[in-house]
Amino acid sequence: MSERQKQILDIVKGNPNVLQTELAERFGVRRETIYRDMKKLVDAGILSRSESDKKCTWKVVKKF
């Protein structure tokens, strides 16, 4: 797990409604980079995503 992925998890714990675009701005990378980081975390079972019609909520499922 990269340092950025660890930081993403810390941010999600504090703000489960954080947007990928917000994370991209914070880290100075493209949204696609954050998407890939978060997808790896979801695929590893560490992060989960729930969607509604209006917003997405992230949840850290496992300790890291």
N, C-alpha and C. Protein backbone atom coordinates (compact mmCIF):
# COMPACT_ATOMS: atom_id res chain seq x y z
N MET A 1 0.85 -1.18 0.00
CA MET A 1 0.00 0.00 0.00
C MET A 1 0.89 1.24 0.00
N SER A 2 0.57 2.14 -0.88
CA SER A 2 1.38 3.37 -0.99
C SER A 2 1.05 4.35 0.14
N GLU A 3 1.94 5.29 0.32
CA GLU A 3 1.72 6.32 1.33
C GLU A 3 0.47 7.14 0.99
N ARG A 4 0.26 7.43 -0.30
CA ARG A 4 -0.93 8.18 -0.70
C ARG A 4 -2.20 7.40 -0.38
N GLN A 5 -2.19 6.08 -0.61
CA GLN A 5 -3.36 5.26 -0.29
C GLN A 5 -3.65 5.28 1.21
N LYS A 6 -2.61 5.25 2.02
CA LYS A 6 -2.81 5.33 3.48
C LYS A 6 -3.43 6.67 3.86
N GLN A 7 -2.95 7.73 3.22
CA GLN A 7 -3.49 9.06 3.50
C GLN A 7 -4.94 9.17 3.03
N ILE A 8 -5.24 8.54 1.90
CA ILE A 8 -6.63 8.53 1.41
C ILE A 8 -7.53 7.87 2.44
N LEU A 9 -7.10 6.76 3.00
CA LEU A 9 -7.90 6.06 4.01
C LEU A 9 -8.12 6.93 5.24
N ASP A 10 -7.08 7.64 5.66
CA ASP A 10 -7.22 8.55 6.81
C ASP A 10 -8.25 9.65 6.51
N ILE A 11 -8.20 10.18 5.31
CA ILE A 11 -9.15 11.23 4.92
C ILE A 11 -10.57 10.68 4.87
N VAL A 12 -10.73 9.50 4.32
CA VAL A 12 -12.06 8.88 4.22
C VAL A 12 -12.64 8.63 5.61
N LYS A 13 -11.81 8.25 6.56
CA LYS A 13 -12.30 8.05 7.93
C LYS A 13 -12.90 9.34 8.48
N GLY A 14 -12.28 10.45 8.18
CA GLY A 14 -12.77 11.74 8.68
C GLY A 14 -13.89 12.33 7.85
N ASN A 15 -13.95 11.95 6.57
CA ASN A 15 -14.96 12.51 5.68
C ASN A 15 -15.38 11.44 4.67
N PRO A 16 -16.35 10.60 5.02
CA PRO A 16 -16.76 9.52 4.12
C PRO A 16 -17.40 9.99 2.82
N ASN A 17 -17.75 11.25 2.71
CA ASN A 17 -18.37 11.79 1.50
C ASN A 17 -17.37 12.52 0.61
N VAL A 18 -16.09 12.36 0.89
CA VAL A 18 -15.07 13.06 0.11
C VAL A 18 -15.14 12.63 -1.36
N LEU A 19 -14.94 13.59 -2.24
CA LEU A 19 -14.98 13.32 -3.67
C LEU A 19 -13.58 13.02 -4.19
N GLN A 20 -13.52 12.21 -5.23
CA GLN A 20 -12.22 11.90 -5.83
C GLN A 20 -11.57 13.17 -6.38
N THR A 21 -12.35 14.09 -6.89
CA THR A 21 -11.79 15.34 -7.40
C THR A 21 -11.15 16.16 -6.28
N GLU A 22 -11.75 16.13 -5.09
CA GLU A 22 -11.18 16.82 -3.94
C GLU A 22 -9.85 16.19 -3.55
N LEU A 23 -9.80 14.86 -3.56
CA LEU A 23 -8.56 14.18 -3.23
C LEU A 23 -7.49 14.48 -4.26
N ALA A 24 -7.87 14.50 -5.52
CA ALA A 24 -6.92 14.79 -6.59
C ALA A 24 -6.30 16.18 -6.40
N GLU A 25 -7.13 17.15 -6.07
CA GLU A 25 -6.62 18.50 -5.84
C GLU A 25 -5.68 18.53 -4.64
N ARG A 26 -6.05 17.83 -3.60
CA ARG A 26 -5.24 17.81 -2.38
C ARG A 26 -3.86 17.20 -2.61
N PHE A 27 -3.81 16.14 -3.42
CA PHE A 27 -2.54 15.45 -3.66
C PHE A 27 -1.82 15.95 -4.91
N GLY A 28 -2.46 16.82 -5.67
CA GLY A 28 -1.82 17.35 -6.85
C GLY A 28 -1.65 16.34 -7.97
N VAL A 29 -2.64 15.44 -8.09
CA VAL A 29 -2.63 14.43 -9.14
C VAL A 29 -3.96 14.48 -9.88
N ARG A 30 -4.05 13.72 -10.96
CA ARG A 30 -5.30 13.67 -11.71
C ARG A 30 -6.32 12.79 -10.99
N ARG A 31 -7.60 13.03 -11.27
CA ARG A 31 -8.66 12.24 -10.65
C ARG A 31 -8.51 10.77 -11.00
N GLU A 32 -8.05 10.47 -12.18
CA GLU A 32 -7.87 9.08 -12.61
C GLU A 32 -6.86 8.35 -11.71
N THR A 33 -5.85 9.07 -11.23
CA THR A 33 -4.87 8.48 -10.32
C THR A 33 -5.53 8.11 -9.00
N ILE A 34 -6.36 8.99 -8.48
CA ILE A 34 -7.09 8.71 -7.24
C ILE A 34 -8.05 7.55 -7.46
N TYR A 35 -8.71 7.54 -8.61
CA TYR A 35 -9.63 6.44 -8.95
C TYR A 35 -8.89 5.10 -8.88
N ARG A 36 -7.71 5.03 -9.49
CA ARG A 36 -6.93 3.78 -9.48
C ARG A 36 -6.52 3.40 -8.05
N ASP A 37 -6.08 4.39 -7.28
CA ASP A 37 -5.69 4.11 -5.89
C ASP A 37 -6.88 3.55 -5.10
N MET A 38 -8.03 4.18 -5.25
CA MET A 38 -9.20 3.76 -4.49
C MET A 38 -9.73 2.41 -4.99
N LYS A 39 -9.62 2.16 -6.28
CA LYS A 39 -10.04 0.87 -6.82
C LYS A 39 -9.19 -0.25 -6.26
N LYS A 40 -7.89 -0.02 -6.14
CA LYS A 40 -7.00 -1.03 -5.54
C LYS A 40 -7.41 -1.31 -4.09
N LEU A 41 -7.78 -0.26 -3.36
CA LEU A 41 -8.20 -0.44 -1.97
C LEU A 41 -9.54 -1.18 -1.89
N VAL A 42 -10.44 -0.90 -2.81
CA VAL A 42 -11.73 -1.61 -2.86
C VAL A 42 -11.49 -3.07 -3.22
N ASP A 43 -10.66 -3.33 -4.24
CA ASP A 43 -10.38 -4.70 -4.66
C ASP A 43 -9.70 -5.51 -3.55
N ALA A 44 -8.93 -4.83 -2.70
CA ALA A 44 -8.25 -5.51 -1.59
C ALA A 44 -9.17 -5.72 -0.39
N GLY A 45 -10.39 -5.17 -0.46
CA GLY A 45 -11.34 -5.31 0.64
C GLY A 45 -11.10 -4.37 1.80
N ILE A 46 -10.31 -3.34 1.58
CA ILE A 46 -10.00 -2.38 2.64
C ILE A 46 -10.99 -1.23 2.66
N LEU A 47 -11.50 -0.89 1.50
CA LEU A 47 -12.40 0.24 1.34
C LEU A 47 -13.66 -0.23 0.63
N SER A 48 -14.80 0.33 1.01
CA SER A 48 -16.04 0.01 0.29
C SER A 48 -16.73 1.30 -0.10
N ARG A 49 -17.57 1.19 -1.09
CA ARG A 49 -18.28 2.34 -1.62
C ARG A 49 -19.76 2.04 -1.68
N SER A 50 -20.57 2.94 -1.17
CA SER A 50 -22.02 2.81 -1.31
C SER A 50 -22.51 4.03 -2.05
N GLU A 51 -23.41 3.81 -2.97
CA GLU A 51 -23.91 4.90 -3.81
C GLU A 51 -25.40 5.10 -3.62
N SER A 52 -25.78 6.34 -3.67
CA SER A 52 -27.19 6.67 -3.76
C SER A 52 -27.35 7.50 -5.03
N ASP A 53 -28.52 7.99 -5.29
CA ASP A 53 -28.74 8.78 -6.50
C ASP A 53 -27.95 10.08 -6.50
N LYS A 54 -27.71 10.62 -5.32
CA LYS A 54 -27.10 11.94 -5.27
C LYS A 54 -25.64 11.95 -4.83
N LYS A 55 -25.21 10.95 -4.06
CA LYS A 55 -23.82 11.00 -3.60
C LYS A 55 -23.29 9.61 -3.29
N CYS A 56 -22.01 9.57 -3.16
CA CYS A 56 -21.29 8.33 -2.86
C CYS A 56 -20.72 8.46 -1.45
N THR A 57 -20.72 7.37 -0.71
CA THR A 57 -20.13 7.33 0.61
C THR A 57 -19.09 6.24 0.66
N TRP A 58 -17.93 6.57 1.18
CA TRP A 58 -16.83 5.62 1.32
C TRP A 58 -16.74 5.14 2.76
N LYS A 59 -16.28 3.92 2.95
CA LYS A 59 -16.13 3.37 4.29
C LYS A 59 -14.89 2.49 4.34
N VAL A 60 -14.05 2.72 5.36
CA VAL A 60 -12.89 1.86 5.56
C VAL A 60 -13.39 0.61 6.26
N VAL A 61 -13.23 -0.55 5.60
CA VAL A 61 -13.77 -1.80 6.08
C VAL A 61 -12.79 -2.54 6.95
N LYS A 62 -11.51 -2.52 6.58
CA LYS A 62 -10.46 -3.22 7.32
C LYS A 62 -9.44 -2.24 7.83
N LYS A 63 -8.79 -2.62 8.92
CA LYS A 63 -7.67 -1.82 9.39
C LYS A 63 -6.52 -2.00 8.43
N PHE A 64 -5.69 -1.00 8.36
CA PHE A 64 -4.56 -1.07 7.46
C PHE A 64 -3.25 -0.87 8.18
